[in-house]
Amino acid sequence: MSIKSTLWSAMVALLCGAPAYGQSAKAAPARSVGLASPQAQSWVRANLGGWPQSAQDLAAQLVARYGRPNASTADELLWHENSPWKRTVLYRAGVRHDFPTPHQDILEQTINYRVPADKIADLAAYDGSLIVDRTRGELSVHCDSEQANILTLNIADDIVKGERSVDQALAYHAQVVRGVQIGERESYPERLKFMPQTATQAADPGSEAPLLQHLAR
């Protein structure tokens, strides 16, 4: 099997395999799937021996891709500014999530991204694993793999830009996952189709309350 075929098979397994579970002119760099290096696997064995196997496997992939975490506790690993991400957190214990198929959310990743106030409810209706911090200008997503997170953020970007309704987003998400399952090459899980904003561009400090502003005069 060629290296190219091996990488695609790995993506299939990560996005929609056991244990369950796009593109503009400017796009974030592609994230290769690949296999964990022996050094990364060694680090995981030495430091995460009590973690579930699925979390250990994902940790090895992340260590191979981004290096050792910037911080760690008994229950999580944390990377800062591991481009295109502002923050990546891998949790020892997952949270059950049944969309698009049952899996455990163990990987949370954050980007700088301003979500208009009138789009927040749509993102929540699309996927409960999307978290908007409007003041900081952060959009976070958690799922069971980096490829699943990228897919969700790309569709969320479509919603924000008015290119898909919530119903269309749900249907397209399932369509992409099914496409990967049957061996079709899908671009949405491969890379962010947009460039994340800077912290200054994304932050929304809000406005002072007019009543309090008036009373302070």
N, C-alpha and C. Protein backbone atom coordinates (compact mmCIF):
# COMPACT_ATOMS: atom_id res chain seq x y z
N MET A 1 0.85 -1.19 0.00
CA MET A 1 0.00 0.00 0.00
C MET A 1 0.88 1.24 0.00
N SER A 2 0.55 2.23 -0.82
CA SER A 2 1.34 3.45 -0.90
C SER A 2 1.16 4.30 0.34
N ILE A 3 2.10 5.24 0.56
CA ILE A 3 1.98 6.16 1.69
C ILE A 3 0.70 6.97 1.57
N LYS A 4 0.39 7.44 0.35
CA LYS A 4 -0.82 8.23 0.12
C LYS A 4 -2.06 7.45 0.53
N SER A 5 -2.13 6.18 0.15
CA SER A 5 -3.27 5.34 0.50
C SER A 5 -3.34 5.11 2.00
N THR A 6 -2.19 4.95 2.62
CA THR A 6 -2.14 4.72 4.06
C THR A 6 -2.68 5.93 4.81
N LEU A 7 -2.30 7.15 4.36
CA LEU A 7 -2.78 8.37 5.02
C LEU A 7 -4.28 8.50 4.87
N TRP A 8 -4.81 8.19 3.69
CA TRP A 8 -6.25 8.29 3.50
C TRP A 8 -6.98 7.27 4.35
N SER A 9 -6.45 6.06 4.47
CA SER A 9 -7.07 5.05 5.31
C SER A 9 -7.09 5.50 6.76
N ALA A 10 -6.01 6.17 7.18
CA ALA A 10 -5.95 6.67 8.55
C ALA A 10 -7.02 7.72 8.79
N MET A 11 -7.25 8.59 7.81
CA MET A 11 -8.29 9.60 7.96
C MET A 11 -9.66 8.95 8.07
N VAL A 12 -9.92 7.93 7.27
CA VAL A 12 -11.20 7.22 7.34
C VAL A 12 -11.41 6.68 8.74
N ALA A 13 -10.37 6.05 9.29
CA ALA A 13 -10.49 5.47 10.62
C ALA A 13 -10.73 6.54 11.67
N LEU A 14 -10.04 7.69 11.54
CA LEU A 14 -10.17 8.75 12.52
C LEU A 14 -11.52 9.43 12.45
N LEU A 15 -12.03 9.64 11.25
CA LEU A 15 -13.25 10.43 11.10
C LEU A 15 -14.50 9.60 11.33
N CYS A 16 -14.50 8.36 10.93
CA CYS A 16 -15.78 7.63 11.03
C CYS A 16 -15.59 6.15 11.32
N GLY A 17 -14.45 5.76 11.84
CA GLY A 17 -14.23 4.36 12.13
C GLY A 17 -14.43 4.04 13.59
N ALA A 18 -13.91 2.90 14.02
CA ALA A 18 -14.06 2.50 15.40
C ALA A 18 -13.33 3.51 16.28
N PRO A 19 -13.85 3.79 17.49
CA PRO A 19 -15.03 3.16 18.04
C PRO A 19 -16.30 3.93 17.76
N ALA A 20 -16.56 4.46 16.68
CA ALA A 20 -17.69 5.27 16.25
C ALA A 20 -17.24 6.68 15.95
N TYR A 21 -17.56 6.73 15.22
CA TYR A 21 -17.05 7.91 14.58
C TYR A 21 -15.57 7.60 14.59
N GLY A 22 -12.95 22.06 3.47
CA GLY A 22 -13.30 22.52 2.19
C GLY A 22 -12.45 23.59 1.63
N GLN A 23 -13.12 24.87 0.44
CA GLN A 23 -11.79 25.41 0.25
C GLN A 23 -11.77 26.73 -0.52
N SER A 24 -11.30 27.76 0.16
CA SER A 24 -11.23 29.07 -0.46
C SER A 24 -9.81 29.35 -0.92
N ALA A 25 -9.60 30.52 -1.51
CA ALA A 25 -8.27 30.87 -1.99
C ALA A 25 -7.28 30.92 -0.83
N LYS A 26 -7.75 31.43 0.31
CA LYS A 26 -6.91 31.46 1.50
C LYS A 26 -7.40 30.40 2.45
N ALA A 27 -6.54 29.47 2.77
CA ALA A 27 -6.95 28.38 3.66
C ALA A 27 -5.79 28.06 4.58
N ALA A 28 -6.12 27.54 5.76
CA ALA A 28 -5.09 27.14 6.68
C ALA A 28 -4.35 25.93 6.12
N PRO A 29 -3.08 25.74 6.50
CA PRO A 29 -2.31 24.61 5.99
C PRO A 29 -2.98 23.28 6.31
N ALA A 30 -2.82 22.34 5.40
CA ALA A 30 -3.42 21.02 5.61
C ALA A 30 -2.76 20.33 6.79
N ARG A 31 -3.56 19.54 7.50
CA ARG A 31 -3.03 18.77 8.63
C ARG A 31 -2.89 17.33 8.17
N SER A 32 -1.68 16.84 8.08
CA SER A 32 -1.48 15.46 7.68
C SER A 32 -1.96 14.54 8.79
N VAL A 33 -2.49 13.38 8.41
CA VAL A 33 -2.96 12.43 9.41
C VAL A 33 -1.79 11.62 9.92
N GLY A 34 -1.23 10.81 9.05
CA GLY A 34 -0.01 10.09 9.38
C GLY A 34 -0.15 9.16 10.57
N LEU A 35 0.96 8.54 10.93
CA LEU A 35 1.01 7.66 12.07
C LEU A 35 1.96 8.25 13.09
N ALA A 36 1.74 7.94 14.35
CA ALA A 36 2.58 8.48 15.40
C ALA A 36 4.00 7.93 15.28
N SER A 37 4.97 8.78 15.56
CA SER A 37 6.37 8.37 15.49
C SER A 37 6.71 7.49 16.69
N PRO A 38 7.78 6.70 16.58
CA PRO A 38 8.18 5.88 17.73
C PRO A 38 8.48 6.74 18.95
N GLN A 39 9.06 7.94 18.75
CA GLN A 39 9.36 8.82 19.88
C GLN A 39 8.09 9.28 20.57
N ALA A 40 7.06 9.61 19.77
CA ALA A 40 5.79 10.04 20.35
C ALA A 40 5.13 8.90 21.10
N GLN A 41 5.17 7.70 20.52
CA GLN A 41 4.58 6.55 21.19
C GLN A 41 5.30 6.24 22.50
N SER A 42 6.61 6.42 22.49
CA SER A 42 7.39 6.19 23.71
C SER A 42 7.02 7.18 24.80
N TRP A 43 6.84 8.45 24.40
CA TRP A 43 6.46 9.48 25.38
C TRP A 43 5.10 9.17 25.97
N VAL A 44 4.17 8.74 25.15
CA VAL A 44 2.83 8.42 25.63
C VAL A 44 2.88 7.24 26.60
N ARG A 45 3.63 6.20 26.26
CA ARG A 45 3.73 5.05 27.16
C ARG A 45 4.31 5.45 28.51
N ALA A 46 5.25 6.38 28.49
CA ALA A 46 5.91 6.78 29.73
C ALA A 46 5.06 7.71 30.59
N ASN A 47 4.13 8.44 29.97
CA ASN A 47 3.40 9.47 30.70
C ASN A 47 1.90 9.27 30.80
N LEU A 48 1.33 8.43 29.94
CA LEU A 48 -0.13 8.30 29.92
C LEU A 48 -0.58 6.86 30.06
N GLY A 49 0.16 6.10 30.80
CA GLY A 49 -0.11 4.67 30.91
C GLY A 49 -1.51 4.34 31.40
N GLY A 50 -2.11 5.19 32.24
CA GLY A 50 -3.43 4.89 32.78
C GLY A 50 -4.57 5.43 31.95
N TRP A 51 -4.27 6.09 30.84
CA TRP A 51 -5.32 6.68 30.01
C TRP A 51 -5.98 5.62 29.13
N PRO A 52 -7.24 5.84 28.71
CA PRO A 52 -7.88 4.91 27.76
C PRO A 52 -7.06 4.83 26.48
N GLN A 53 -7.12 3.68 25.81
CA GLN A 53 -6.29 3.48 24.63
C GLN A 53 -6.59 4.49 23.52
N SER A 54 -7.87 4.84 23.35
CA SER A 54 -8.21 5.80 22.30
C SER A 54 -7.57 7.16 22.56
N ALA A 55 -7.52 7.57 23.82
CA ALA A 55 -6.89 8.85 24.16
C ALA A 55 -5.37 8.75 24.00
N GLN A 56 -4.78 7.60 24.33
CA GLN A 56 -3.35 7.41 24.14
C GLN A 56 -2.99 7.48 22.65
N ASP A 57 -3.78 6.83 21.83
CA ASP A 57 -3.50 6.84 20.38
C ASP A 57 -3.55 8.25 19.82
N LEU A 58 -4.57 9.01 20.23
CA LEU A 58 -4.68 10.38 19.74
C LEU A 58 -3.56 11.25 20.30
N ALA A 59 -3.19 11.02 21.55
CA ALA A 59 -2.08 11.77 22.14
C ALA A 59 -0.79 11.54 21.36
N ALA A 60 -0.54 10.30 20.96
CA ALA A 60 0.67 10.00 20.20
C ALA A 60 0.68 10.73 18.86
N GLN A 61 -0.48 10.79 18.20
CA GLN A 61 -0.56 11.52 16.93
C GLN A 61 -0.29 13.01 17.13
N LEU A 62 -0.85 13.57 18.21
CA LEU A 62 -0.67 15.00 18.47
C LEU A 62 0.77 15.32 18.85
N VAL A 63 1.39 14.46 19.65
CA VAL A 63 2.79 14.68 20.02
C VAL A 63 3.69 14.58 18.80
N ALA A 64 3.40 13.64 17.91
CA ALA A 64 4.18 13.52 16.68
C ALA A 64 4.03 14.75 15.80
N ARG A 65 2.86 15.34 15.79
CA ARG A 65 2.57 16.47 14.91
C ARG A 65 3.03 17.80 15.51
N TYR A 66 2.80 17.99 16.83
CA TYR A 66 3.02 19.30 17.44
C TYR A 66 4.13 19.32 18.49
N GLY A 67 4.69 18.16 18.78
CA GLY A 67 5.67 18.11 19.85
C GLY A 67 4.99 17.85 21.19
N ARG A 68 5.80 17.78 22.23
CA ARG A 68 5.24 17.52 23.56
C ARG A 68 4.35 18.68 23.98
N PRO A 69 3.32 18.39 24.79
CA PRO A 69 2.40 19.45 25.22
C PRO A 69 3.11 20.52 26.04
N ASN A 70 2.56 21.74 26.01
CA ASN A 70 3.12 22.83 26.79
C ASN A 70 2.82 22.69 28.27
N ALA A 71 1.75 21.99 28.57
CA ALA A 71 1.37 21.76 29.97
C ALA A 71 0.56 20.48 30.05
N SER A 72 0.56 19.86 31.22
CA SER A 72 -0.20 18.62 31.38
C SER A 72 -0.58 18.43 32.83
N THR A 73 -1.69 17.73 33.03
CA THR A 73 -2.11 17.29 34.36
C THR A 73 -2.42 15.80 34.24
N ALA A 74 -2.93 15.24 35.30
CA ALA A 74 -3.29 13.82 35.26
C ALA A 74 -4.47 13.57 34.31
N ASP A 75 -5.20 14.63 33.96
CA ASP A 75 -6.42 14.45 33.19
C ASP A 75 -6.45 15.15 31.84
N GLU A 76 -5.42 15.93 31.51
CA GLU A 76 -5.44 16.62 30.22
C GLU A 76 -4.04 17.04 29.76
N LEU A 77 -3.92 17.19 28.45
CA LEU A 77 -2.71 17.70 27.82
C LEU A 77 -3.08 18.99 27.11
N LEU A 78 -2.17 19.98 27.14
CA LEU A 78 -2.48 21.28 26.57
C LEU A 78 -1.36 21.77 25.67
N TRP A 79 -1.73 22.17 24.45
CA TRP A 79 -0.80 22.81 23.52
C TRP A 79 -1.27 24.23 23.27
N HIS A 80 -0.34 25.20 23.24
CA HIS A 80 -0.65 26.58 22.92
C HIS A 80 -0.09 26.93 21.54
N GLU A 81 -0.88 27.68 20.75
CA GLU A 81 -0.42 28.21 19.46
C GLU A 81 0.18 27.12 18.57
N ASN A 82 -0.46 25.99 18.52
CA ASN A 82 -0.02 24.91 17.61
C ASN A 82 -0.81 25.07 16.30
N SER A 83 -0.34 25.98 15.47
CA SER A 83 -1.03 26.42 14.25
C SER A 83 -1.63 25.24 13.47
N PRO A 84 -2.87 25.39 12.98
CA PRO A 84 -3.69 26.61 12.95
C PRO A 84 -4.45 26.88 14.23
N TRP A 85 -4.20 26.12 15.28
CA TRP A 85 -4.98 26.24 16.50
C TRP A 85 -4.38 27.27 17.45
N LYS A 86 -5.27 27.96 18.15
CA LYS A 86 -4.84 28.83 19.24
C LYS A 86 -4.55 27.97 20.48
N ARG A 87 -5.32 26.91 20.60
CA ARG A 87 -5.20 26.05 21.78
C ARG A 87 -5.75 24.67 21.44
N THR A 88 -5.08 23.65 21.94
CA THR A 88 -5.52 22.26 21.78
C THR A 88 -5.49 21.59 23.15
N VAL A 89 -6.58 20.97 23.53
CA VAL A 89 -6.65 20.26 24.81
C VAL A 89 -7.14 18.83 24.55
N LEU A 90 -6.37 17.87 25.01
CA LEU A 90 -6.78 16.47 24.94
C LEU A 90 -7.13 16.01 26.34
N TYR A 91 -8.34 15.48 26.49
CA TYR A 91 -8.82 15.05 27.80
C TYR A 91 -8.71 13.54 27.97
N ARG A 92 -8.40 13.15 29.17
CA ARG A 92 -8.33 11.73 29.49
C ARG A 92 -9.73 11.09 29.41
N ALA A 93 -10.72 11.78 29.95
CA ALA A 93 -12.09 11.27 29.95
C ALA A 93 -12.91 12.01 28.91
N GLY A 94 -13.69 11.28 28.14
CA GLY A 94 -14.50 11.89 27.10
C GLY A 94 -15.92 12.18 27.55
N VAL A 95 -16.64 12.87 26.69
CA VAL A 95 -18.06 13.16 26.90
C VAL A 95 -18.83 12.55 25.73
N ARG A 96 -19.88 11.82 26.04
CA ARG A 96 -20.64 11.17 24.98
C ARG A 96 -21.28 12.19 24.04
N HIS A 97 -21.17 11.92 22.75
CA HIS A 97 -21.77 12.77 21.72
C HIS A 97 -22.27 11.84 20.61
N ASP A 98 -23.53 11.94 20.25
CA ASP A 98 -24.12 10.98 19.31
C ASP A 98 -24.21 11.48 17.88
N PHE A 99 -23.81 12.72 17.61
CA PHE A 99 -23.85 13.22 16.22
C PHE A 99 -22.44 13.29 15.66
N PRO A 100 -22.18 12.83 14.45
CA PRO A 100 -23.13 12.19 13.53
C PRO A 100 -23.33 10.71 13.83
N THR A 101 -22.40 10.11 14.58
CA THR A 101 -22.54 8.75 15.10
C THR A 101 -21.98 8.76 16.51
N PRO A 102 -22.39 7.83 17.37
CA PRO A 102 -21.92 7.85 18.77
C PRO A 102 -20.40 7.79 18.89
N HIS A 103 -19.86 8.66 19.72
CA HIS A 103 -18.43 8.70 19.97
C HIS A 103 -18.19 9.46 21.27
N GLN A 104 -16.94 9.54 21.69
CA GLN A 104 -16.56 10.29 22.88
C GLN A 104 -15.78 11.54 22.46
N ASP A 105 -16.24 12.71 22.90
CA ASP A 105 -15.52 13.95 22.65
C ASP A 105 -14.34 14.03 23.63
N ILE A 106 -13.13 13.94 23.11
CA ILE A 106 -11.95 14.01 23.98
C ILE A 106 -10.96 15.08 23.53
N LEU A 107 -11.16 15.64 22.33
CA LEU A 107 -10.21 16.60 21.79
C LEU A 107 -10.90 17.94 21.56
N GLU A 108 -10.46 18.97 22.27
CA GLU A 108 -11.01 20.32 22.11
C GLU A 108 -9.96 21.22 21.47
N GLN A 109 -10.37 21.94 20.42
CA GLN A 109 -9.44 22.82 19.71
C GLN A 109 -10.10 24.17 19.48
N THR A 110 -9.31 25.22 19.58
CA THR A 110 -9.82 26.59 19.58
C THR A 110 -9.11 27.43 18.54
N ILE A 111 -9.88 28.31 17.87
CA ILE A 111 -9.31 29.28 16.94
C ILE A 111 -9.83 30.67 17.30
N ASN A 112 -9.14 31.70 16.82
CA ASN A 112 -9.66 33.06 16.89
C ASN A 112 -10.67 33.22 15.77
N TYR A 113 -11.93 33.53 16.14
CA TYR A 113 -12.99 33.61 15.13
C TYR A 113 -14.15 34.39 15.71
N ARG A 114 -14.52 35.48 15.05
CA ARG A 114 -15.64 36.29 15.52
C ARG A 114 -16.94 35.73 14.97
N VAL A 115 -17.83 35.34 15.88
CA VAL A 115 -19.15 34.84 15.50
C VAL A 115 -20.16 35.96 15.78
N PRO A 116 -20.86 36.44 14.75
CA PRO A 116 -21.89 37.46 14.98
C PRO A 116 -22.93 36.96 15.96
N ALA A 117 -23.47 37.86 16.77
CA ALA A 117 -24.43 37.47 17.80
C ALA A 117 -25.62 36.74 17.21
N ASP A 118 -26.05 37.14 16.01
CA ASP A 118 -27.24 36.52 15.44
C ASP A 118 -26.97 35.15 14.81
N LYS A 119 -25.71 34.68 14.88
CA LYS A 119 -25.37 33.36 14.34
C LYS A 119 -25.07 32.34 15.45
N ILE A 120 -24.99 32.79 16.68
CA ILE A 120 -24.61 31.89 17.78
C ILE A 120 -25.63 30.78 17.96
N ALA A 121 -26.91 31.13 17.92
CA ALA A 121 -27.95 30.11 18.09
C ALA A 121 -27.91 29.08 16.97
N ASP A 122 -27.62 29.53 15.75
CA ASP A 122 -27.54 28.59 14.63
C ASP A 122 -26.40 27.60 14.83
N LEU A 123 -25.26 28.08 15.32
CA LEU A 123 -24.13 27.17 15.56
C LEU A 123 -24.48 26.16 16.64
N ALA A 124 -25.17 26.62 17.69
CA ALA A 124 -25.57 25.71 18.77
C ALA A 124 -26.56 24.67 18.27
N ALA A 125 -27.45 25.08 17.37
CA ALA A 125 -28.43 24.14 16.82
C ALA A 125 -27.77 23.12 15.90
N TYR A 126 -26.72 23.54 15.22
CA TYR A 126 -25.99 22.62 14.33
C TYR A 126 -25.21 21.58 15.12
N ASP A 127 -24.40 22.02 16.07
CA ASP A 127 -23.56 21.07 16.80
C ASP A 127 -23.31 21.59 18.21
N GLY A 128 -23.79 20.84 19.20
CA GLY A 128 -23.63 21.23 20.59
C GLY A 128 -22.20 21.23 21.07
N SER A 129 -21.28 20.70 20.28
CA SER A 129 -19.88 20.68 20.66
C SER A 129 -19.12 21.93 20.21
N LEU A 130 -19.84 22.88 19.61
CA LEU A 130 -19.26 24.18 19.27
C LEU A 130 -19.46 25.13 20.44
N ILE A 131 -18.40 25.85 20.82
CA ILE A 131 -18.46 26.77 21.95
C ILE A 131 -17.99 28.14 21.49
N VAL A 132 -18.85 29.14 21.66
CA VAL A 132 -18.52 30.50 21.25
C VAL A 132 -18.19 31.33 22.48
N ASP A 133 -17.02 31.96 22.48
CA ASP A 133 -16.65 32.96 23.48
C ASP A 133 -16.58 34.29 22.74
N ARG A 134 -17.70 35.01 22.74
CA ARG A 134 -17.81 36.22 21.93
C ARG A 134 -16.85 37.31 22.39
N THR A 135 -16.66 37.46 23.70
CA THR A 135 -15.80 38.52 24.21
C THR A 135 -14.35 38.29 23.81
N ARG A 136 -13.84 37.08 24.01
CA ARG A 136 -12.46 36.77 23.63
C ARG A 136 -12.30 36.61 22.11
N GLY A 137 -13.42 36.37 21.44
CA GLY A 137 -13.33 36.13 20.00
C GLY A 137 -12.80 34.74 19.70
N GLU A 138 -13.26 33.75 20.46
CA GLU A 138 -12.80 32.38 20.26
C GLU A 138 -13.97 31.47 19.85
N LEU A 139 -13.66 30.54 18.98
CA LEU A 139 -14.60 29.48 18.61
C LEU A 139 -13.90 28.16 18.87
N SER A 140 -14.49 27.35 19.72
CA SER A 140 -13.91 26.05 20.08
C SER A 140 -14.83 24.93 19.62
N VAL A 141 -14.23 23.78 19.39
CA VAL A 141 -15.00 22.60 19.02
C VAL A 141 -14.34 21.40 19.68
N HIS A 142 -15.17 20.43 20.11
CA HIS A 142 -14.58 19.19 20.65
C HIS A 142 -15.24 17.99 20.02
N CYS A 143 -14.41 17.01 19.67
CA CYS A 143 -14.88 15.78 19.06
C CYS A 143 -13.86 14.69 19.39
N ASP A 144 -13.76 13.66 18.53
CA ASP A 144 -12.86 12.56 18.85
C ASP A 144 -11.63 12.52 17.96
N SER A 145 -11.48 13.50 17.07
CA SER A 145 -10.28 13.55 16.23
C SER A 145 -10.12 14.96 15.68
N GLU A 146 -8.92 15.26 15.24
CA GLU A 146 -8.65 16.57 14.66
C GLU A 146 -9.41 16.74 13.35
N GLN A 147 -9.53 15.67 12.57
CA GLN A 147 -10.24 15.76 11.31
C GLN A 147 -11.73 16.07 11.52
N ALA A 148 -12.34 15.47 12.54
CA ALA A 148 -13.73 15.75 12.84
C ALA A 148 -13.91 17.20 13.29
N ASN A 149 -12.96 17.72 14.07
CA ASN A 149 -13.02 19.12 14.48
C ASN A 149 -12.93 20.06 13.29
N ILE A 150 -12.03 19.75 12.37
CA ILE A 150 -11.87 20.59 11.17
C ILE A 150 -13.15 20.59 10.35
N LEU A 151 -13.75 19.42 10.17
CA LEU A 151 -15.00 19.32 9.43
C LEU A 151 -16.07 20.20 10.06
N THR A 152 -16.22 20.10 11.37
CA THR A 152 -17.25 20.88 12.06
C THR A 152 -17.02 22.37 11.93
N LEU A 153 -15.77 22.81 12.06
CA LEU A 153 -15.48 24.25 11.95
C LEU A 153 -15.71 24.76 10.53
N ASN A 154 -15.37 23.96 9.54
CA ASN A 154 -15.60 24.40 8.16
C ASN A 154 -17.09 24.58 7.88
N ILE A 155 -17.90 23.67 8.39
CA ILE A 155 -19.34 23.80 8.20
C ILE A 155 -19.88 24.97 9.03
N ALA A 156 -19.34 25.16 10.23
CA ALA A 156 -19.74 26.32 11.04
C ALA A 156 -19.44 27.62 10.31
N ASP A 157 -18.31 27.68 9.63
CA ASP A 157 -17.95 28.86 8.85
C ASP A 157 -18.97 29.10 7.72
N ASP A 158 -19.44 28.02 7.10
CA ASP A 158 -20.48 28.14 6.08
C ASP A 158 -21.75 28.77 6.66
N ILE A 159 -22.12 28.33 7.86
CA ILE A 159 -23.32 28.86 8.51
C ILE A 159 -23.16 30.35 8.79
N VAL A 160 -22.02 30.72 9.35
CA VAL A 160 -21.77 32.13 9.68
C VAL A 160 -21.82 33.00 8.43
N LYS A 161 -21.31 32.49 7.32
CA LYS A 161 -21.28 33.26 6.07
C LYS A 161 -22.61 33.19 5.30
N GLY A 162 -23.59 32.47 5.85
CA GLY A 162 -24.89 32.39 5.20
C GLY A 162 -24.94 31.44 4.02
N GLU A 163 -23.96 30.55 3.92
CA GLU A 163 -23.90 29.63 2.79
C GLU A 163 -24.67 28.33 3.03
N ARG A 164 -25.00 28.04 4.29
CA ARG A 164 -25.81 26.87 4.62
C ARG A 164 -26.72 27.21 5.78
N SER A 165 -27.93 26.67 5.73
CA SER A 165 -28.83 26.75 6.88
C SER A 165 -28.42 25.65 7.87
N VAL A 166 -29.03 25.65 9.06
CA VAL A 166 -28.73 24.61 10.04
C VAL A 166 -29.09 23.23 9.47
N ASP A 167 -30.26 23.11 8.86
CA ASP A 167 -30.66 21.81 8.30
C ASP A 167 -29.70 21.37 7.20
N GLN A 168 -29.28 22.30 6.36
CA GLN A 168 -28.33 21.96 5.30
C GLN A 168 -26.98 21.55 5.88
N ALA A 169 -26.58 22.21 6.96
CA ALA A 169 -25.31 21.88 7.61
C ALA A 169 -25.34 20.47 8.19
N LEU A 170 -26.44 20.12 8.85
CA LEU A 170 -26.57 18.79 9.43
C LEU A 170 -26.53 17.72 8.34
N ALA A 171 -27.24 17.98 7.26
CA ALA A 171 -27.27 17.01 6.17
C ALA A 171 -25.91 16.88 5.50
N TYR A 172 -25.23 18.01 5.30
CA TYR A 172 -23.93 17.97 4.63
C TYR A 172 -22.88 17.27 5.51
N HIS A 173 -22.93 17.52 6.79
CA HIS A 173 -22.00 16.86 7.71
C HIS A 173 -22.13 15.34 7.59
N ALA A 174 -23.36 14.86 7.63
CA ALA A 174 -23.59 13.41 7.49
C ALA A 174 -23.13 12.91 6.12
N GLN A 175 -23.36 13.72 5.10
CA GLN A 175 -22.95 13.35 3.74
C GLN A 175 -21.44 13.21 3.64
N VAL A 176 -20.70 14.12 4.25
CA VAL A 176 -19.24 14.06 4.21
C VAL A 176 -18.74 12.81 4.94
N VAL A 177 -19.29 12.56 6.12
CA VAL A 177 -18.87 11.38 6.89
C VAL A 177 -19.15 10.11 6.10
N ARG A 178 -20.32 10.05 5.46
CA ARG A 178 -20.65 8.86 4.66
C ARG A 178 -19.70 8.75 3.46
N GLY A 179 -19.38 9.89 2.86
CA GLY A 179 -18.44 9.86 1.74
C GLY A 179 -17.10 9.29 2.13
N VAL A 180 -16.60 9.70 3.30
CA VAL A 180 -15.32 9.16 3.77
C VAL A 180 -15.44 7.66 4.04
N GLN A 181 -16.57 7.24 4.60
CA GLN A 181 -16.77 5.83 4.90
C GLN A 181 -16.67 4.95 3.66
N ILE A 182 -17.16 5.46 2.53
CA ILE A 182 -17.17 4.65 1.30
C ILE A 182 -15.97 4.95 0.40
N GLY A 183 -15.01 5.74 0.94
CA GLY A 183 -13.77 5.93 0.22
C GLY A 183 -13.70 7.14 -0.69
N GLU A 184 -14.69 8.01 -0.62
CA GLU A 184 -14.63 9.23 -1.42
C GLU A 184 -13.71 10.24 -0.74
N ARG A 185 -12.99 10.99 -1.55
CA ARG A 185 -12.08 11.99 -1.00
C ARG A 185 -12.85 13.27 -0.70
N GLU A 186 -12.87 13.66 0.55
CA GLU A 186 -13.60 14.83 1.00
C GLU A 186 -12.62 15.89 1.50
N SER A 187 -12.78 17.13 1.04
CA SER A 187 -11.84 18.19 1.42
C SER A 187 -12.15 18.81 2.78
N TYR A 188 -13.40 18.81 3.20
CA TYR A 188 -13.76 19.52 4.43
C TYR A 188 -13.07 18.98 5.69
N PRO A 189 -12.78 17.68 5.82
CA PRO A 189 -12.07 17.23 7.02
C PRO A 189 -10.55 17.41 6.94
N GLU A 190 -10.01 17.83 5.80
CA GLU A 190 -8.56 17.83 5.61
C GLU A 190 -7.88 19.09 6.13
N ARG A 191 -8.52 20.23 5.97
CA ARG A 191 -7.90 21.49 6.39
C ARG A 191 -8.97 22.54 6.60
N LEU A 192 -8.65 23.55 7.40
CA LEU A 192 -9.57 24.68 7.51
C LEU A 192 -9.60 25.41 6.18
N LYS A 193 -10.79 25.70 5.68
CA LYS A 193 -10.92 26.35 4.38
C LYS A 193 -10.84 27.87 4.50
N PHE A 194 -10.52 28.35 5.67
CA PHE A 194 -10.41 29.78 5.93
C PHE A 194 -9.22 29.99 6.86
N MET A 195 -8.68 31.21 6.87
CA MET A 195 -7.60 31.53 7.79
C MET A 195 -8.19 32.06 9.10
N PRO A 196 -7.85 31.48 10.24
CA PRO A 196 -8.32 32.05 11.51
C PRO A 196 -7.89 33.51 11.64
N GLN A 197 -8.68 34.29 12.34
CA GLN A 197 -8.38 35.70 12.52
C GLN A 197 -7.33 35.89 13.60
N THR A 198 -6.84 37.11 13.72
CA THR A 198 -5.97 37.44 14.85
C THR A 198 -6.86 37.66 16.07
N ALA A 199 -6.25 37.65 17.24
CA ALA A 199 -7.02 37.87 18.46
C ALA A 199 -7.70 39.23 18.45
N THR A 200 -7.01 40.25 17.92
CA THR A 200 -7.59 41.59 17.87
C THR A 200 -8.77 41.65 16.92
N GLN A 201 -8.67 40.99 15.78
CA GLN A 201 -9.77 40.97 14.82
C GLN A 201 -11.00 40.25 15.37
N ALA A 202 -10.77 39.21 16.12
CA ALA A 202 -11.87 38.35 16.56
C ALA A 202 -12.56 38.83 17.83
N ALA A 203 -11.83 39.52 18.70
CA ALA A 203 -12.38 39.91 20.00
C ALA A 203 -13.53 40.90 19.85
N ASP A 204 -14.50 40.78 20.74
CA ASP A 204 -15.66 41.68 20.75
C ASP A 204 -15.90 42.12 22.19
N PRO A 205 -15.28 43.25 22.61
CA PRO A 205 -15.41 43.69 24.00
C PRO A 205 -16.78 44.23 24.35
N GLY A 206 -17.66 44.40 23.34
CA GLY A 206 -18.99 44.92 23.62
C GLY A 206 -18.98 46.42 23.82
N SER A 207 -20.07 46.95 24.35
CA SER A 207 -20.21 48.40 24.55
C SER A 207 -20.68 48.67 25.98
N GLU A 208 -20.28 49.80 26.49
CA GLU A 208 -20.71 50.20 27.82
C GLU A 208 -22.22 50.42 27.83
N ALA A 209 -22.88 50.01 28.91
CA ALA A 209 -24.33 50.17 29.02
C ALA A 209 -24.69 51.65 28.97
N PRO A 210 -25.59 52.05 28.07
CA PRO A 210 -25.93 53.48 27.93
C PRO A 210 -26.42 54.11 29.23
N LEU A 211 -27.23 53.37 30.01
CA LEU A 211 -27.74 53.93 31.28
C LEU A 211 -26.61 54.26 32.23
N LEU A 212 -25.68 53.31 32.40
CA LEU A 212 -24.56 53.54 33.31
C LEU A 212 -23.64 54.63 32.78
N GLN A 213 -23.49 54.69 31.49
CA GLN A 213 -22.68 55.72 30.88
C GLN A 213 -23.30 57.10 31.13
N HIS A 214 -24.60 57.17 31.02
CA HIS A 214 -25.31 58.43 31.24
C HIS A 214 -25.21 58.87 32.71
N LEU A 215 -25.38 57.91 33.63
CA LEU A 215 -25.34 58.24 35.04
C LEU A 215 -23.95 58.66 35.51
N ALA A 216 -22.92 58.20 34.79
CA ALA A 216 -21.54 58.53 35.17
C ALA A 216 -21.16 59.95 34.79
N ARG A 217 -21.96 60.62 33.99
CA ARG A 217 -21.63 61.98 33.54
C ARG A 217 -21.84 63.00 34.67
